[in-house]
C-alpha atoms as a PDB file:
ATOM      1  CA  MET A   1     -29.817 -86.883-128.793  1.00  0.00           C
ATOM      2  CA  LEU A   2     -27.036 -85.414-130.974  1.00  0.00           C
ATOM      3  CA  PRO A   3     -24.619 -87.926-132.530  1.00  0.00           C
ATOM      4  CA  LEU A   4     -21.505 -89.132-130.646  1.00  0.00           C
ATOM      5  CA  ILE A   5     -18.183 -90.654-131.515  1.00  0.00           C
ATOM      6  CA  GLY A   6     -16.944 -93.692-129.906  1.00  0.00           C
ATOM      7  CA  ILE A   7     -13.457 -94.838-130.206  1.00  0.00           C
ATOM      8  CA  ASP A   8     -12.076 -98.248-129.184  1.00  0.00           C
ATOM      9  CA  ILE A   9      -8.183 -98.587-129.057  1.00  0.00           C
ATOM     10  CA  GLY A  10      -6.653-102.010-129.206  1.00  0.00           C
ATOM     11  CA  GLY A  11      -3.138-103.319-129.462  1.00  0.00           C
ATOM     12  CA  THR A  12      -3.870-104.258-133.282  1.00  0.00           C
ATOM     13  CA  TRP A  13      -6.867-102.275-134.435  1.00  0.00           C
ATOM     14  CA  THR A  14      -8.234 -98.975-133.656  1.00  0.00           C
ATOM     15  CA  ARG A  15     -12.062 -98.504-134.230  1.00  0.00           C
ATOM     16  CA  VAL A  16     -13.883 -95.308-134.460  1.00  0.00           C
ATOM     17  CA  ALA A  17     -17.620 -94.894-134.932  1.00  0.00           C
ATOM     18  CA  LEU A  18     -20.348 -92.460-135.363  1.00  0.00           C
ATOM     19  CA  VAL A  19     -23.195 -93.313-133.003  1.00  0.00           C
ATOM     20  CA  HIS A  20     -26.569 -91.872-132.805  1.00  0.00           C
ATOM     21  CA  ASP A  21     -29.321 -93.074-130.323  1.00  0.00           C
ATOM     22  CA  ARG A  22     -26.862 -95.690-129.141  1.00  0.00           C
ATOM     23  CA  THR A  23     -26.698 -97.286-132.575  1.00  0.00           C
ATOM     24  CA  ILE A  24     -23.639 -97.359-134.702  1.00  0.00           C
ATOM     25  CA  VAL A  25     -24.274 -95.278-137.843  1.00  0.00           C
ATOM     26  CA  ARG A  26     -20.686 -95.711-139.384  1.00  0.00           C
ATOM     27  CA  GLU A  27     -17.627 -97.445-138.277  1.00  0.00           C
ATOM     28  CA  VAL A  28     -13.951 -97.177-139.510  1.00  0.00           C
ATOM     29  CA  ARG A  29     -11.306 -99.480-138.496  1.00  0.00           C
ATOM     30  CA  HIS A  30      -7.640 -99.120-139.148  1.00  0.00           C
ATOM     31  CA  PRO A  31      -4.492-100.830-137.639  1.00  0.00           C
ATOM     32  CA  THR A  32      -3.053 -99.122-134.552  1.00  0.00           C
ATOM     33  CA  PRO A  33       0.213 -97.444-135.476  1.00  0.00           C
ATOM     34  CA  LYS A  34       3.245 -98.293-133.340  1.00  0.00           C
ATOM     35  CA  HIS A  35       4.451 -94.520-132.928  1.00  0.00           C
ATOM     36  CA  THR A  36       2.684 -91.942-131.053  1.00  0.00           C
ATOM     37  CA  ASP A  37       2.653 -89.275-133.817  1.00  0.00           C
ATOM     38  CA  ALA A  38       1.489 -91.728-136.335  1.00  0.00           C
ATOM     39  CA  PHE A  39      -1.214 -93.083-133.845  1.00  0.00           C
ATOM     40  CA  LEU A  40      -2.568 -89.535-133.255  1.00  0.00           C
ATOM     41  CA  ALA A  41      -2.669 -88.388-136.935  1.00  0.00           C
ATOM     42  CA  ALA A  42      -4.525 -91.576-138.033  1.00  0.00           C
ATOM     43  CA  LEU A  43      -7.045 -91.265-135.077  1.00  0.00           C
ATOM     44  CA  PHE A  44      -7.451 -87.473-135.861  1.00  0.00           C
ATOM     45  CA  ALA A  45      -8.063 -87.933-139.480  1.00  0.00           C
ATOM     46  CA  VAL A  46     -10.803 -90.514-139.068  1.00  0.00           C
ATOM     47  CA  ILE A  47     -12.483 -88.276-136.563  1.00  0.00           C
ATOM     48  CA  ALA A  48     -12.333 -85.383-138.969  1.00  0.00           C
ATOM     49  CA  ASP A  49     -13.841 -87.593-141.494  1.00  0.00           C
ATOM     50  CA  LEU A  50     -16.727 -88.644-139.339  1.00  0.00           C
ATOM     51  CA  ARG A  51     -17.442 -84.858-138.206  1.00  0.00           C
ATOM     52  CA  ALA A  52     -17.361 -83.942-141.877  1.00  0.00           C
ATOM     53  CA  GLU A  53     -20.423 -86.215-142.218  1.00  0.00           C
ATOM     54  CA  ARG A  54     -22.049 -85.017-139.199  1.00  0.00           C
ATOM     55  CA  THR A  55     -21.110 -81.466-138.079  1.00  0.00           C
ATOM     56  CA  ASP A  56     -23.228 -81.646-135.042  1.00  0.00           C
ATOM     57  CA  VAL A  57     -21.223 -84.321-133.065  1.00  0.00           C
ATOM     58  CA  ALA A  58     -21.536 -83.438-129.383  1.00  0.00           C
ATOM     59  CA  ALA A  59     -18.792 -85.292-127.506  1.00  0.00           C
ATOM     60  CA  VAL A  60     -16.053 -87.928-127.934  1.00  0.00           C
ATOM     61  CA  GLY A  61     -15.597 -91.283-125.730  1.00  0.00           C
ATOM     62  CA  VAL A  62     -12.588 -93.375-125.759  1.00  0.00           C
ATOM     63  CA  SER A  63     -12.346 -97.181-124.610  1.00  0.00           C
ATOM     64  CA  VAL A  64      -8.745 -98.230-124.370  1.00  0.00           C
ATOM     65  CA  THR A  65      -6.694-101.053-122.777  1.00  0.00           C
ATOM     66  CA  GLY A  66      -5.907-100.291-119.044  1.00  0.00           C
ATOM     67  CA  PRO A  67      -4.570 -99.090-116.817  1.00  0.00           C
ATOM     68  CA  VAL A  68      -5.802 -95.454-117.671  1.00  0.00           C
ATOM     69  CA  SER A  69      -7.041 -92.584-115.488  1.00  0.00           C
ATOM     70  CA  PRO A  70     -10.676 -91.911-116.209  1.00  0.00           C
ATOM     71  CA  PHE A  71     -10.421 -88.502-114.311  1.00  0.00           C
ATOM     72  CA  THR A  72      -7.664 -87.066-116.578  1.00  0.00           C
ATOM     73  CA  GLY A  73      -7.743 -89.300-119.790  1.00  0.00           C
ATOM     74  CA  THR A  74      -4.026 -90.190-119.213  1.00  0.00           C
ATOM     75  CA  LEU A  75      -2.730 -93.625-120.323  1.00  0.00           C
ATOM     76  CA  PHE A  76      -0.286 -95.529-118.084  1.00  0.00           C
ATOM     77  CA  ALA A  77       1.631 -98.431-119.502  1.00  0.00           C
ATOM     78  CA  PRO A  78      -0.801-101.161-120.527  1.00  0.00           C
ATOM     79  CA  PRO A  79       0.837-104.662-120.397  1.00  0.00           C
ATOM     80  CA  ASN A  80      -0.914-105.796-123.715  1.00  0.00           C
ATOM     81  CA  ASN A  81      -0.965-102.495-125.441  1.00  0.00           C
ATOM     82  CA  SER A  82       2.018-100.104-124.674  1.00  0.00           C
ATOM     83  CA  GLY A  83       4.181 -98.653-127.478  1.00  0.00           C
ATOM     84  CA  PRO A  84       2.353 -95.314-128.606  1.00  0.00           C
ATOM     85  CA  LEU A  85       0.094 -95.188-125.599  1.00  0.00           C
ATOM     86  CA  ALA A  86       2.251 -95.309-122.551  1.00  0.00           C
ATOM     87  CA  GLY A  87       2.167 -91.900-120.662  1.00  0.00           C
ATOM     88  CA  LEU A  88      -0.046 -90.387-123.444  1.00  0.00           C
ATOM     89  CA  ASP A  89      -2.194 -87.708-122.319  1.00  0.00           C
ATOM     90  CA  LEU A  90      -5.115 -88.773-124.718  1.00  0.00           C
ATOM     91  CA  GLY A  91      -8.005 -86.871-123.267  1.00  0.00           C
ATOM     92  CA  ASP A  92      -6.081 -83.523-123.534  1.00  0.00           C
ATOM     93  CA  ARG A  93      -4.978 -84.211-126.937  1.00  0.00           C
ATOM     94  CA  LEU A  94      -8.311 -84.931-128.125  1.00  0.00           C
ATOM     95  CA  ARG A  95      -9.861 -82.009-126.568  1.00  0.00           C
ATOM     96  CA  ALA A  96      -7.475 -79.764-128.269  1.00  0.00           C
ATOM     97  CA  GLU A  97      -7.821 -81.242-131.701  1.00  0.00           C
ATOM     98  CA  THR A  98     -11.683 -81.481-131.740  1.00  0.00           C
ATOM     99  CA  GLY A  99     -12.880 -78.701-129.238  1.00  0.00           C
ATOM    100  CA  LEU A 100     -15.409 -81.280-128.135  1.00  0.00           C
ATOM    101  CA  PRO A 101     -15.827 -82.729-124.693  1.00  0.00           C
ATOM    102  CA  VAL A 102     -13.972 -86.069-124.230  1.00  0.00           C
ATOM    103  CA  ALA A 103     -14.269 -88.849-121.735  1.00  0.00           C
ATOM    104  CA  VAL A 104     -11.557 -91.734-121.655  1.00  0.00           C
ATOM    105  CA  ASP A 105     -11.965 -94.890-119.900  1.00  0.00           C
ATOM    106  CA  ARG A 106     -10.663 -98.472-119.576  1.00  0.00           C
ATOM    107  CA  ASP A 107     -12.062-100.958-122.294  1.00  0.00           C
ATOM    108  CA  THR A 108     -13.692-103.313-119.686  1.00  0.00           C
ATOM    109  CA  ASN A 109     -15.354-100.117-117.931  1.00  0.00           C
ATOM    110  CA  CYS A 110     -16.801 -99.021-121.319  1.00  0.00           C
ATOM    111  CA  ALA A 111     -17.903-102.516-121.742  1.00  0.00           C
ATOM    112  CA  LEU A 112     -19.798-102.688-118.528  1.00  0.00           C
ATOM    113  CA  ILE A 113     -21.348 -99.239-119.253  1.00  0.00           C
ATOM    114  CA  ALA A 114     -22.639-100.828-122.502  1.00  0.00           C
ATOM    115  CA  GLU A 115     -24.093-103.879-120.714  1.00  0.00           C
ATOM    116  CA  ALA A 116     -25.585-101.805-118.095  1.00  0.00           C
ATOM    117  CA  ALA A 117     -27.344 -99.538-120.417  1.00  0.00           C
ATOM    118  CA  ILE A 118     -28.345-101.873-123.157  1.00  0.00           C
ATOM    119  CA  GLY A 119     -27.076-105.414-122.548  1.00  0.00           C
ATOM    120  CA  GLY A 120     -27.053-108.236-120.018  1.00  0.00           C
ATOM    121  CA  ALA A 121     -26.632-106.042-117.042  1.00  0.00           C
ATOM    122  CA  ALA A 122     -29.537-103.657-117.711  1.00  0.00           C
ATOM    123  CA  GLY A 123     -31.632-103.094-114.725  1.00  0.00           C
ATOM    124  CA  HIS A 124     -28.928-104.168-112.278  1.00  0.00           C
ATOM    125  CA  ALA A 125     -27.135-101.941-109.963  1.00  0.00           C
ATOM    126  CA  ASN A 126     -24.397-104.512-109.110  1.00  0.00           C
ATOM    127  CA  ALA A 127     -22.948-106.384-111.807  1.00  0.00           C
ATOM    128  CA  ILE A 128     -19.488-107.621-113.298  1.00  0.00           C
ATOM    129  CA  PHE A 129     -18.330-107.672-116.896  1.00  0.00           C
ATOM    130  CA  ALA A 130     -15.280-109.926-117.849  1.00  0.00           C
ATOM    131  CA  THR A 131     -13.835-110.368-121.091  1.00  0.00           C
ATOM    132  CA  PHE A 132     -11.727-113.581-121.948  1.00  0.00           C
ATOM    133  CA  SER A 133      -9.734-112.912-125.066  1.00  0.00           C
ATOM    134  CA  THR A 134      -6.187-111.991-125.817  1.00  0.00           C
ATOM    135  CA  GLY A 135      -6.071-111.012-122.060  1.00  0.00           C
ATOM    136  CA  VAL A 136      -8.553-111.217-119.315  1.00  0.00           C
ATOM    137  CA  GLY A 137     -10.150-107.944-118.028  1.00  0.00           C
ATOM    138  CA  ALA A 138     -13.140-107.178-115.910  1.00  0.00           C
ATOM    139  CA  SER A 139     -14.910-104.413-114.335  1.00  0.00           C
ATOM    140  CA  VAL A 140     -17.389-103.995-111.484  1.00  0.00           C
ATOM    141  CA  LEU A 141     -20.585-101.985-110.836  1.00  0.00           C
ATOM    142  CA  LEU A 142     -21.312-101.574-107.248  1.00  0.00           C
ATOM    143  CA  ASN A 143     -24.733 -99.850-106.192  1.00  0.00           C
ATOM    144  CA  GLY A 144     -25.058 -98.212-109.582  1.00  0.00           C
ATOM    145  CA  ALA A 145     -21.443 -96.855-109.806  1.00  0.00           C
ATOM    146  CA  LEU A 146     -18.276 -98.162-111.261  1.00  0.00           C
ATOM    147  CA  LEU A 147     -15.654 -99.205-108.926  1.00  0.00           C
ATOM    148  CA  ARG A 148     -12.752 -96.854-109.541  1.00  0.00           C
ATOM    149  CA  GLY A 149     -10.630 -96.770-106.517  1.00  0.00           C
ATOM    150  CA  ARG A 150      -8.078 -93.992-105.847  1.00  0.00           C
ATOM    151  CA  ASP A 151      -6.593 -93.405-109.250  1.00  0.00           C
ATOM    152  CA  GLY A 152      -9.459 -94.757-111.195  1.00  0.00           C
ATOM    153  CA  THR A 153      -7.695 -98.102-112.097  1.00  0.00           C
ATOM    154  CA  ALA A 154      -9.652-100.457-109.762  1.00  0.00           C
ATOM    155  CA  GLY A 155     -11.171-103.666-111.090  1.00  0.00           C
ATOM    156  CA  GLU A 156      -8.259-105.388-112.681  1.00  0.00           C
ATOM    157  CA  LEU A 157      -9.705-108.842-111.779  1.00  0.00           C
ATOM    158  CA  GLY A 158      -8.045-110.531-114.596  1.00  0.00           C
ATOM    159  CA  HIS A 159      -4.846-110.073-112.497  1.00  0.00           C
ATOM    160  CA  MET A 160      -6.028-111.750-109.238  1.00  0.00           C
ATOM    161  CA  VAL A 161      -3.615-114.696-108.619  1.00  0.00           C
ATOM    162  CA  GLN A 162      -4.909-118.238-108.678  1.00  0.00           C
ATOM    163  CA  SER A 163      -1.764-120.163-108.258  1.00  0.00           C
ATOM    164  CA  PHE A 164       1.472-118.507-106.909  1.00  0.00           C
ATOM    165  CA  ASP A 165       3.830-120.934-108.910  1.00  0.00           C
ATOM    166  CA  GLY A 166       1.604-120.773-111.979  1.00  0.00           C
ATOM    167  CA  PRO A 167       2.584-119.537-115.454  1.00  0.00           C
ATOM    168  CA  LEU A 168       4.068-116.086-115.957  1.00  0.00           C
ATOM    169  CA  CYS A 169       1.569-113.384-116.728  1.00  0.00           C
ATOM    170  CA  GLY A 170       2.131-110.407-118.880  1.00  0.00           C
ATOM    171  CA  CYS A 171       1.866-108.242-115.822  1.00  0.00           C
ATOM    172  CA  GLY A 172       4.938-109.711-114.466  1.00  0.00           C
ATOM    173  CA  ARG A 173       3.426-111.876-111.701  1.00  0.00           C
ATOM    174  CA  ARG A 174       2.662-115.566-111.757  1.00  0.00           C
ATOM    175  CA  GLY A 175      -0.647-117.484-111.751  1.00  0.00           C
ATOM    176  CA  CYS A 176      -2.999-114.672-112.737  1.00  0.00           C
ATOM    177  CA  VAL A 177      -6.455-115.522-114.243  1.00  0.00           C
ATOM    178  CA  GLU A 178      -5.074-113.872-117.328  1.00  0.00           C
ATOM    179  CA  ALA A 179      -2.181-116.458-117.196  1.00  0.00           C
ATOM    180  CA  PHE A 180      -4.463-119.453-117.418  1.00  0.00           C
ATOM    181  CA  ALA A 181      -7.701-118.306-119.151  1.00  0.00           C
ATOM    182  CA  SER A 182      -6.495-115.915-121.947  1.00  0.00           C
ATOM    183  CA  GLY A 183      -6.117-116.768-125.449  1.00  0.00           C
ATOM    184  CA  THR A 184      -2.410-116.022-125.063  1.00  0.00           C
ATOM    185  CA  ALA A 185      -2.049-118.358-122.061  1.00  0.00           C
ATOM    186  CA  ILE A 186      -3.987-121.121-123.898  1.00  0.00           C
ATOM    187  CA  ALA A 187      -1.633-120.705-126.996  1.00  0.00           C
ATOM    188  CA  ALA A 188       1.582-120.754-124.620  1.00  0.00           C
ATOM    189  CA  ALA A 189       0.358-123.834-122.635  1.00  0.00           C
ATOM    190  CA  SER A 190      -0.573-125.857-125.646  1.00  0.00           C
ATOM    191  CA  GLY A 191       2.610-124.902-127.780  1.00  0.00           C
ATOM    192  CA  PHE A 192       0.744-123.203-130.541  1.00  0.00           C
ATOM    193  CA  PRO A 193       1.145-119.751-132.117  1.00  0.00           C
ATOM    194  CA  ASP A 194      -2.146-118.283-131.024  1.00  0.00           C
ATOM    195  CA  GLY A 195      -5.431-119.174-129.313  1.00  0.00           C
ATOM    196  CA  ALA A 196      -7.124-120.016-132.774  1.00  0.00           C
ATOM    197  CA  ALA A 197      -4.637-122.508-133.603  1.00  0.00           C
ATOM    198  CA  ALA A 198      -4.695-124.256-130.271  1.00  0.00           C
ATOM    199  CA  ALA A 199      -8.614-124.146-130.771  1.00  0.00           C
ATOM    200  CA  HIS A 200      -8.299-126.167-134.031  1.00  0.00           C
ATOM    201  CA  ALA A 201      -5.869-128.445-132.476  1.00  0.00           C
ATOM    202  CA  ALA A 202      -8.135-129.264-129.514  1.00  0.00           C
ATOM    203  CA  GLU A 203     -11.040-129.900-131.706  1.00  0.00           C
ATOM    204  CA  ALA A 204      -8.704-132.328-133.725  1.00  0.00           C
ATOM    205  CA  GLY A 205      -8.017-134.232-130.642  1.00  0.00           C
ATOM    206  CA  ASP A 206      -4.592-132.749-129.341  1.00  0.00           C
ATOM    207  CA  PRO A 207      -4.326-133.625-125.767  1.00  0.00           C
ATOM    208  CA  LYS A 208      -2.138-130.739-124.833  1.00  0.00           C
ATOM    209  CA  ALA A 209      -4.427-128.340-126.454  1.00  0.00           C
ATOM    210  CA  GLN A 210      -7.510-129.824-124.796  1.00  0.00           C
ATOM    211  CA  ALA A 211      -5.689-129.881-121.457  1.00  0.00           C
ATOM    212  CA  ALA A 212      -5.090-126.007-121.740  1.00  0.00           C
ATOM    213  CA  PHE A 213      -8.537-125.337-122.731  1.00  0.00           C
ATOM    214  CA  ALA A 214      -9.693-127.377-119.728  1.00  0.00           C
ATOM    215  CA  LEU A 215      -7.582-125.486-117.375  1.00  0.00           C
ATOM    216  CA  ALA A 216      -8.713-122.143-118.873  1.00  0.00           C
ATOM    217  CA  ARG A 217     -12.298-123.133-118.493  1.00  0.00           C
ATOM    218  CA  GLU A 218     -11.745-124.060-114.666  1.00  0.00           C
ATOM    219  CA  SER A 219      -9.838-120.846-114.090  1.00  0.00           C
ATOM    220  CA  MET A 220     -12.682-118.722-115.444  1.00  0.00           C
ATOM    221  CA  ALA A 221     -15.243-120.751-113.395  1.00  0.00           C
ATOM    222  CA  SER A 222     -13.230-120.391-110.312  1.00  0.00           C
ATOM    223  CA  ALA A 223     -12.723-116.716-110.849  1.00  0.00           C
ATOM    224  CA  CYS A 224     -16.453-116.320-111.074  1.00  0.00           C
ATOM    225  CA  ALA A 225     -16.935-117.733-107.731  1.00  0.00           C
ATOM    226  CA  ASP A 226     -14.379-115.655-106.257  1.00  0.00           C
ATOM    227  CA  TRP A 227     -15.914-112.621-107.672  1.00  0.00           C
ATOM    228  CA  VAL A 228     -19.315-113.478-106.241  1.00  0.00           C
ATOM    229  CA  ASN A 229     -17.714-113.669-102.847  1.00  0.00           C
ATOM    230  CA  ALA A 230     -15.950-110.382-103.130  1.00  0.00           C
ATOM    231  CA  PHE A 231     -18.457-108.232-104.773  1.00  0.00           C
ATOM    232  CA  ASN A 232     -21.946-109.794-104.339  1.00  0.00           C
ATOM    233  CA  PRO A 233     -23.137-109.116-107.876  1.00  0.00           C
ATOM    234  CA  GLU A 234     -26.698-109.580-109.279  1.00  0.00           C
ATOM    235  CA  VAL A 235     -25.186-110.745-112.692  1.00  0.00           C
ATOM    236  CA  ILE A 236     -21.846-111.579-114.302  1.00  0.00           C
ATOM    237  CA  VAL A 237     -21.721-110.957-117.946  1.00  0.00           C
ATOM    238  CA  ILE A 238     -18.892-112.722-120.013  1.00  0.00           C
ATOM    239  CA  GLY A 239     -17.475-111.354-123.061  1.00  0.00           C
ATOM    240  CA  GLY A 240     -14.464-111.825-125.250  1.00  0.00           C
ATOM    241  CA  SER A 241     -13.390-114.099-128.249  1.00  0.00           C
ATOM    242  CA  VAL A 242     -12.271-117.014-126.094  1.00  0.00           C
ATOM    243  CA  ALA A 243     -15.690-117.167-124.172  1.00  0.00           C
ATOM    244  CA  GLN A 244     -17.684-116.455-127.303  1.00  0.00           C
ATOM    245  CA  HIS A 245     -16.131-119.429-129.018  1.00  0.00           C
ATOM    246  CA  ASN A 246     -16.665-121.638-125.862  1.00  0.00           C
ATOM    247  CA  PRO A 247     -20.135-120.770-124.699  1.00  0.00           C
ATOM    248  CA  GLU A 248     -20.438-123.903-122.567  1.00  0.00           C
ATOM    249  CA  TRP A 249     -17.956-122.361-120.197  1.00  0.00           C
ATOM    250  CA  VAL A 250     -20.417-120.094-119.069  1.00  0.00           C
ATOM    251  CA  GLU A 251     -22.519-123.022-117.995  1.00  0.00           C
ATOM    252  CA  HIS A 252     -19.668-124.264-116.092  1.00  0.00           C
ATOM    253  CA  ALA A 253     -19.008-120.953-114.342  1.00  0.00           C
ATOM    254  CA  GLN A 254     -22.661-120.974-113.394  1.00  0.00           C
ATOM    255  CA  ALA A 255     -22.265-124.424-111.710  1.00  0.00           C
ATOM    256  CA  ARG A 256     -19.114-123.257-109.932  1.00  0.00           C
ATOM    257  CA  VAL A 257     -20.905-120.169-108.566  1.00  0.00           C
ATOM    258  CA  SER A 258     -22.588-122.281-106.205  1.00  0.00           C
ATOM    259  CA  ASP A 259     -19.255-122.818-104.376  1.00  0.00           C
ATOM    260  CA  ALA A 260     -19.527-119.277-103.223  1.00  0.00           C
ATOM    261  CA  PHE A 261     -20.920-118.106 -99.940  1.00  0.00           C
ATOM    262  CA  ALA A 262     -24.660-117.899 -99.249  1.00  0.00           C
ATOM    263  CA  PRO A 263     -26.652-115.776 -99.759  1.00  0.00           C
ATOM    264  CA  ALA A 264     -24.221-114.089-102.159  1.00  0.00           C
ATOM    265  CA  ARG A 265     -24.301-117.240-104.412  1.00  0.00           C
ATOM    266  CA  ASP A 266     -28.017-117.256-104.663  1.00  0.00           C
ATOM    267  CA  ASN A 267     -29.728-116.131-107.921  1.00  0.00           C
ATOM    268  CA  VAL A 268     -26.516-114.802-109.783  1.00  0.00           C
ATOM    269  CA  PRO A 269     -26.813-115.661-113.427  1.00  0.00           C
ATOM    270  CA  VAL A 270     -23.721-115.867-115.422  1.00  0.00           C
ATOM    271  CA  VAL A 271     -24.495-114.905-119.049  1.00  0.00           C
ATOM    272  CA  LEU A 272     -22.738-114.565-122.401  1.00  0.00           C
ATOM    273  CA  SER A 273     -22.633-110.879-123.625  1.00  0.00           C
ATOM    274  CA  THR A 274     -25.042-110.332-126.510  1.00  0.00           C
ATOM    275  CA  LEU A 275     -23.241-106.975-127.696  1.00  0.00           C
ATOM    276  CA  GLY A 276     -20.401-109.111-129.066  1.00  0.00           C
ATOM    277  CA  ASP A 277     -17.340-107.197-130.473  1.00  0.00           C
ATOM    278  CA  HIS A 278     -18.945-103.807-130.322  1.00  0.00           C
ATOM    279  CA  VAL A 279     -19.539-104.006-126.615  1.00  0.00           C
ATOM    280  CA  SER A 280     -16.545-101.488-125.788  1.00  0.00           C
ATOM    281  CA  LEU A 281     -17.022 -99.315-128.831  1.00  0.00           C
ATOM    282  CA  LEU A 282     -20.785 -98.739-127.957  1.00  0.00           C
ATOM    283  CA  GLY A 283     -19.715 -98.433-124.180  1.00  0.00           C
ATOM    284  CA  ALA A 284     -17.385 -95.655-125.527  1.00  0.00           C
ATOM    285  CA  ALA A 285     -20.085 -93.683-127.108  1.00  0.00           C
ATOM    286  CA  ILE A 286     -22.272 -93.978-124.076  1.00  0.00           C
ATOM    287  CA  LEU A 287     -19.424 -92.887-121.940  1.00  0.00           C
ATOM    288  CA  ALA A 288     -19.317 -89.698-124.157  1.00  0.00           C
ATOM    289  CA  GLU A 289     -22.836 -88.658-122.919  1.00  0.00           C
ATOM    290  CA  SER A 290     -21.225 -88.277-119.384  1.00  0.00           C
ATOM    291  CA  ALA A 291     -18.782 -85.666-120.765  1.00  0.00           C
ATOM    292  CA  LEU A 292     -21.740 -83.589-121.638  1.00  0.00           C
ATOM    293  CA  SER A 293     -23.041 -83.226-118.035  1.00  0.00           C
END
């Protein structure tokens, strides 16, 4: 297999990797510029550098915060990552710059692609990947195909409402899973600047921080039970920094899956991702394989 380039675009960092045989050979990381021209210039420069190293790169795959059209590669207005990305025809710009086949998809879809290929969902035709980090995102694999919907934006499970009068979410609604179980939500509920500070406070016994984490844990567990009812998966894979730092939450979610309907609730493992921080980056490279067909 020829080498591929995988790109993972986040609100803070953009990572670009040269990937061969689904293994990262070299990774370059730089801050995500806040203006479109600077964003594209930095991205194109890194790609050119990697292609100078391997002139036989076959395709490019991109993982980016949703919503995004996987059909055209056009980005919409992500609630957690707008700025230079809103409305950008990224797929077309990359094709014009590189002359290579390009595929673009939401970061959680890319993560699920990686999990289904080489991670916790391997061998399963029906699976859910959910990330609990700065925000909460998820994607669904049904009968071997990603759930996409009319515009390719289906699967935003982090924005399912759990309480109509709950905290305000970044999407503009109240009481979403993201408004309870994300690092941003935990920080807001506990009065700390970020999730890491809230975690340190909770470990030190701060009651407000501990309550915020307990509510986030319950939100994640309840969401998993809802997703079992809605999608009848064979496995749920959990990723993201919040979940990675609180692995016991996965056990709690596993217990709550028993609240779902039978037989959907039977034999549905809830597992922590083993691909860690590279899951969407690897998924982007595997996504690039689809651009070759």
